[in-house]
N, C-alpha and C. Protein backbone atom coordinates (compact mmCIF):
# COMPACT_ATOMS: atom_id res chain seq x y z
N MET A 1 -14.98 -13.54 4.96
CA MET A 1 -15.28 -12.21 4.69
C MET A 1 -15.70 -12.80 3.22
N ASN A 2 -17.01 -12.99 2.05
CA ASN A 2 -17.17 -12.93 0.87
C ASN A 2 -16.27 -12.78 -0.03
N THR A 3 -16.19 -13.00 -1.14
CA THR A 3 -15.04 -12.87 -2.31
C THR A 3 -15.38 -11.57 -2.65
N THR A 4 -16.95 -11.40 -3.03
CA THR A 4 -18.09 -10.39 -3.24
C THR A 4 -17.78 -8.76 -2.39
N GLU A 5 -17.42 -9.19 -1.19
CA GLU A 5 -17.53 -8.06 -0.23
C GLU A 5 -16.48 -6.77 -0.54
N LYS A 6 -16.53 -5.91 -0.17
CA LYS A 6 -15.17 -4.79 0.15
C LYS A 6 -14.93 -4.67 1.01
N SER A 7 -13.96 -4.23 1.10
CA SER A 7 -13.37 -4.01 2.49
C SER A 7 -12.85 -2.44 2.86
N ARG A 8 -13.47 -1.67 3.55
CA ARG A 8 -13.16 0.02 3.59
C ARG A 8 -11.46 0.12 3.96
N LEU A 9 -11.16 0.55 3.82
CA LEU A 9 -9.71 2.17 4.43
C LEU A 9 -10.23 3.17 4.62
N SER A 10 -9.54 3.76 5.52
CA SER A 10 -10.04 5.67 5.55
C SER A 10 -8.15 5.60 6.00
N LEU A 11 -7.99 6.95 4.66
CA LEU A 11 -6.77 7.51 5.08
C LEU A 11 -7.20 9.28 4.96
N GLU A 12 -6.02 9.33 5.55
CA GLU A 12 -5.84 10.59 6.47
C GLU A 12 -4.46 10.96 5.15
N LEU A 13 -4.68 12.11 4.03
CA LEU A 13 -4.30 12.52 3.67
C LEU A 13 -3.11 13.85 3.72
N SER A 14 -1.95 14.01 3.64
CA SER A 14 -1.73 15.48 3.73
C SER A 14 -2.11 16.38 2.97
N PRO A 15 -1.84 17.70 3.20
CA PRO A 15 -2.78 18.81 2.24
C PRO A 15 -2.04 18.51 1.25
N THR A 16 -0.76 18.43 0.79
CA THR A 16 -0.19 18.49 -0.01
C THR A 16 -0.57 17.19 -1.40
N VAL A 17 -0.59 15.53 -0.91
CA VAL A 17 -1.22 14.78 -1.23
C VAL A 17 -2.62 15.12 -1.81
N SER A 18 -3.60 14.99 -1.09
CA SER A 18 -4.83 15.74 -1.18
C SER A 18 -4.96 16.37 -2.41
N GLN A 19 -4.88 17.81 -2.81
CA GLN A 19 -4.28 18.44 -3.46
C GLN A 19 -4.39 17.98 -4.59
N LEU A 20 -2.76 17.11 -5.45
CA LEU A 20 -2.40 16.56 -6.09
C LEU A 20 -3.57 15.56 -6.70
N LEU A 21 -3.63 14.62 -5.98
CA LEU A 21 -4.94 13.44 -5.89
C LEU A 21 -6.18 14.45 -6.65
N GLU A 22 -6.60 15.44 -6.22
CA GLU A 22 -7.92 16.31 -6.10
C GLU A 22 -7.25 16.93 -7.67
N HIS A 23 -6.06 17.43 -8.42
CA HIS A 23 -5.76 17.83 -9.40
C HIS A 23 -6.20 16.82 -10.84
N VAL A 24 -5.33 15.60 -10.05
CA VAL A 24 -5.53 14.62 -11.31
C VAL A 24 -7.07 13.72 -11.17
N SER A 25 -7.48 13.99 -10.22
CA SER A 25 -8.82 14.03 -10.83
C SER A 25 -9.67 14.63 -11.86
N GLU A 26 -9.61 16.00 -11.36
CA GLU A 26 -10.09 16.65 -12.12
C GLU A 26 -9.34 16.95 -13.35
N VAL A 27 -8.30 16.48 -13.82
CA VAL A 27 -7.72 16.33 -14.67
C VAL A 27 -8.64 14.74 -15.75
N THR A 28 -8.40 13.62 -15.19
CA THR A 28 -8.82 12.72 -15.64
C THR A 28 -9.91 11.85 -15.34
N GLY A 29 -10.78 13.07 -14.63
CA GLY A 29 -12.45 13.10 -14.75
C GLY A 29 -12.43 11.27 -13.88
N THR A 30 -11.43 11.29 -13.15
CA THR A 30 -11.19 9.85 -12.29
C THR A 30 -11.42 9.76 -10.97
N PRO A 31 -12.51 8.95 -10.15
CA PRO A 31 -12.45 9.47 -9.05
C PRO A 31 -11.49 9.53 -8.08
N LYS A 32 -11.29 10.06 -7.28
CA LYS A 32 -10.01 9.66 -5.83
C LYS A 32 -10.07 8.78 -5.95
N THR A 33 -11.34 7.98 -5.27
CA THR A 33 -11.26 6.82 -4.86
C THR A 33 -10.25 5.78 -5.85
N GLN A 34 -11.14 5.92 -7.26
CA GLN A 34 -10.41 4.96 -8.42
C GLN A 34 -9.20 4.92 -8.38
N LEU A 35 -8.60 6.26 -8.27
CA LEU A 35 -6.72 6.42 -8.52
C LEU A 35 -6.16 6.39 -7.30
N VAL A 36 -7.12 5.84 -6.07
CA VAL A 36 -6.23 5.50 -5.04
C VAL A 36 -6.07 3.72 -4.94
N GLN A 37 -7.01 3.15 -5.46
CA GLN A 37 -7.22 2.13 -5.84
C GLN A 37 -6.50 1.61 -6.39
N ALA A 38 -5.98 2.38 -8.06
CA ALA A 38 -5.27 2.11 -8.93
C ALA A 38 -3.58 2.05 -8.90
N ALA A 39 -3.54 3.00 -7.58
CA ALA A 39 -2.61 3.18 -7.94
C ALA A 39 -2.13 1.97 -6.46
N LEU A 40 -2.71 1.81 -5.77
CA LEU A 40 -2.49 0.35 -4.51
C LEU A 40 -2.32 -0.56 -5.62
N VAL A 41 -2.90 -0.92 -6.12
CA VAL A 41 -3.18 -2.20 -7.20
C VAL A 41 -1.46 -1.98 -8.16
N GLU A 42 -1.39 -1.07 -8.38
CA GLU A 42 -0.13 -1.18 -9.40
C GLU A 42 1.28 -1.39 -8.16
N ALA A 43 0.98 -0.98 -6.90
CA ALA A 43 1.91 -0.80 -6.03
C ALA A 43 2.37 -2.49 -5.41
N LEU A 44 1.28 -3.26 -5.42
CA LEU A 44 0.73 -4.46 -4.29
C LEU A 44 2.39 -5.16 -4.73
N PRO A 45 2.81 -5.43 -5.80
CA PRO A 45 3.42 -6.72 -6.07
C PRO A 45 4.88 -5.87 -5.26
N ASP A 46 5.36 -4.93 -5.25
CA ASP A 46 6.45 -4.36 -4.50
C ASP A 46 5.88 -4.62 -3.28
N PHE A 47 5.06 -4.22 -2.75
CA PHE A 47 4.94 -4.25 -1.31
C PHE A 47 4.91 -5.77 -0.52
N LEU A 48 4.66 -6.63 -1.78
CA LEU A 48 4.84 -7.96 -1.16
C LEU A 48 5.89 -8.34 -1.13
N GLU A 49 6.19 -8.11 -2.13
CA GLU A 49 8.36 -8.56 -2.20
C GLU A 49 9.20 -7.80 -0.81
N ARG A 50 8.61 -6.59 -0.91
CA ARG A 50 9.45 -6.10 0.65
C ARG A 50 8.95 -6.65 2.04
N ALA A 51 6.87 -7.47 1.61
CA ALA A 51 7.01 -8.04 2.77
C ALA A 51 7.74 -9.47 3.28
N ASP A 52 7.75 -10.12 1.68
CA ASP A 52 8.71 -11.06 2.27
C ASP A 52 10.04 -11.17 2.41
N ARG A 53 10.59 -10.01 1.86
CA ARG A 53 12.06 -9.77 1.96
C ARG A 53 12.02 -9.84 3.60
N PHE A 54 12.04 -8.58 4.23
CA PHE A 54 11.32 -8.31 5.55
C PHE A 54 11.20 -9.11 6.59
N LYS A 55 10.47 -10.33 5.93
CA LYS A 55 10.13 -11.62 6.91
C LYS A 55 11.30 -12.60 6.65
N LYS A 56 11.80 -12.76 5.60
CA LYS A 56 12.88 -13.46 5.04
C LYS A 56 13.81 -13.43 6.54
N ARG A 57 14.50 -12.16 6.33
CA ARG A 57 15.30 -11.23 6.81
C ARG A 57 15.24 -11.53 8.41
N SER A 58 14.20 -11.13 8.93
CA SER A 58 13.72 -11.60 10.40
C SER A 58 14.34 -12.95 10.71
N GLN A 59 13.41 -13.67 10.21
CA GLN A 59 13.78 -15.52 10.39
C GLN A 59 15.35 -15.67 10.39
N GLU A 60 15.75 -14.85 9.36
CA GLU A 60 17.31 -15.14 9.46
C GLU A 60 18.20 -15.04 10.83
N LEU A 61 17.61 -13.44 11.27
CA LEU A 61 18.07 -12.61 12.64
C LEU A 61 17.72 -13.98 13.50
N SER A 62 16.43 -14.23 13.58
CA SER A 62 15.79 -14.91 14.90
C SER A 62 16.14 -16.34 14.62
N GLN A 63 17.03 -16.94 14.07
CA GLN A 63 18.02 -17.97 14.35
C GLN A 63 19.52 -17.73 13.80
N GLN A 64 19.93 -16.81 14.12
CA GLN A 64 20.82 -17.06 14.89
C GLN A 64 21.49 -17.23 15.68
N LYS A 65 22.41 -17.32 16.16
CA LYS A 65 22.96 -17.58 17.44
C LYS A 65 23.68 -16.69 18.37
N PRO A 66 23.48 -15.65 19.32
CA PRO A 66 24.34 -15.25 19.93
C PRO A 66 25.87 -15.14 19.95
N LYS A 67 26.55 -14.30 19.52
CA LYS A 67 28.09 -14.72 19.82
C LYS A 67 28.53 -13.95 21.27
N ARG A 68 29.01 -14.96 21.72
CA ARG A 68 29.74 -14.57 22.70
C ARG A 68 31.00 -14.25 22.96
């Protein structure tokens, strides 16, 4: 994929999340898509840290020998 290309993602939102997102969009004048993109970018470092911890723990568990 070219670095200038954007990838699409389809999301299903609960009615509550959809209403809250609509409210924030109306109050701020920011499109819902931009709000979601900003939230994901802000949360990405935490997602990456969690994924790295999960991967590390998974590797640790796979290297342990079963006790008999």
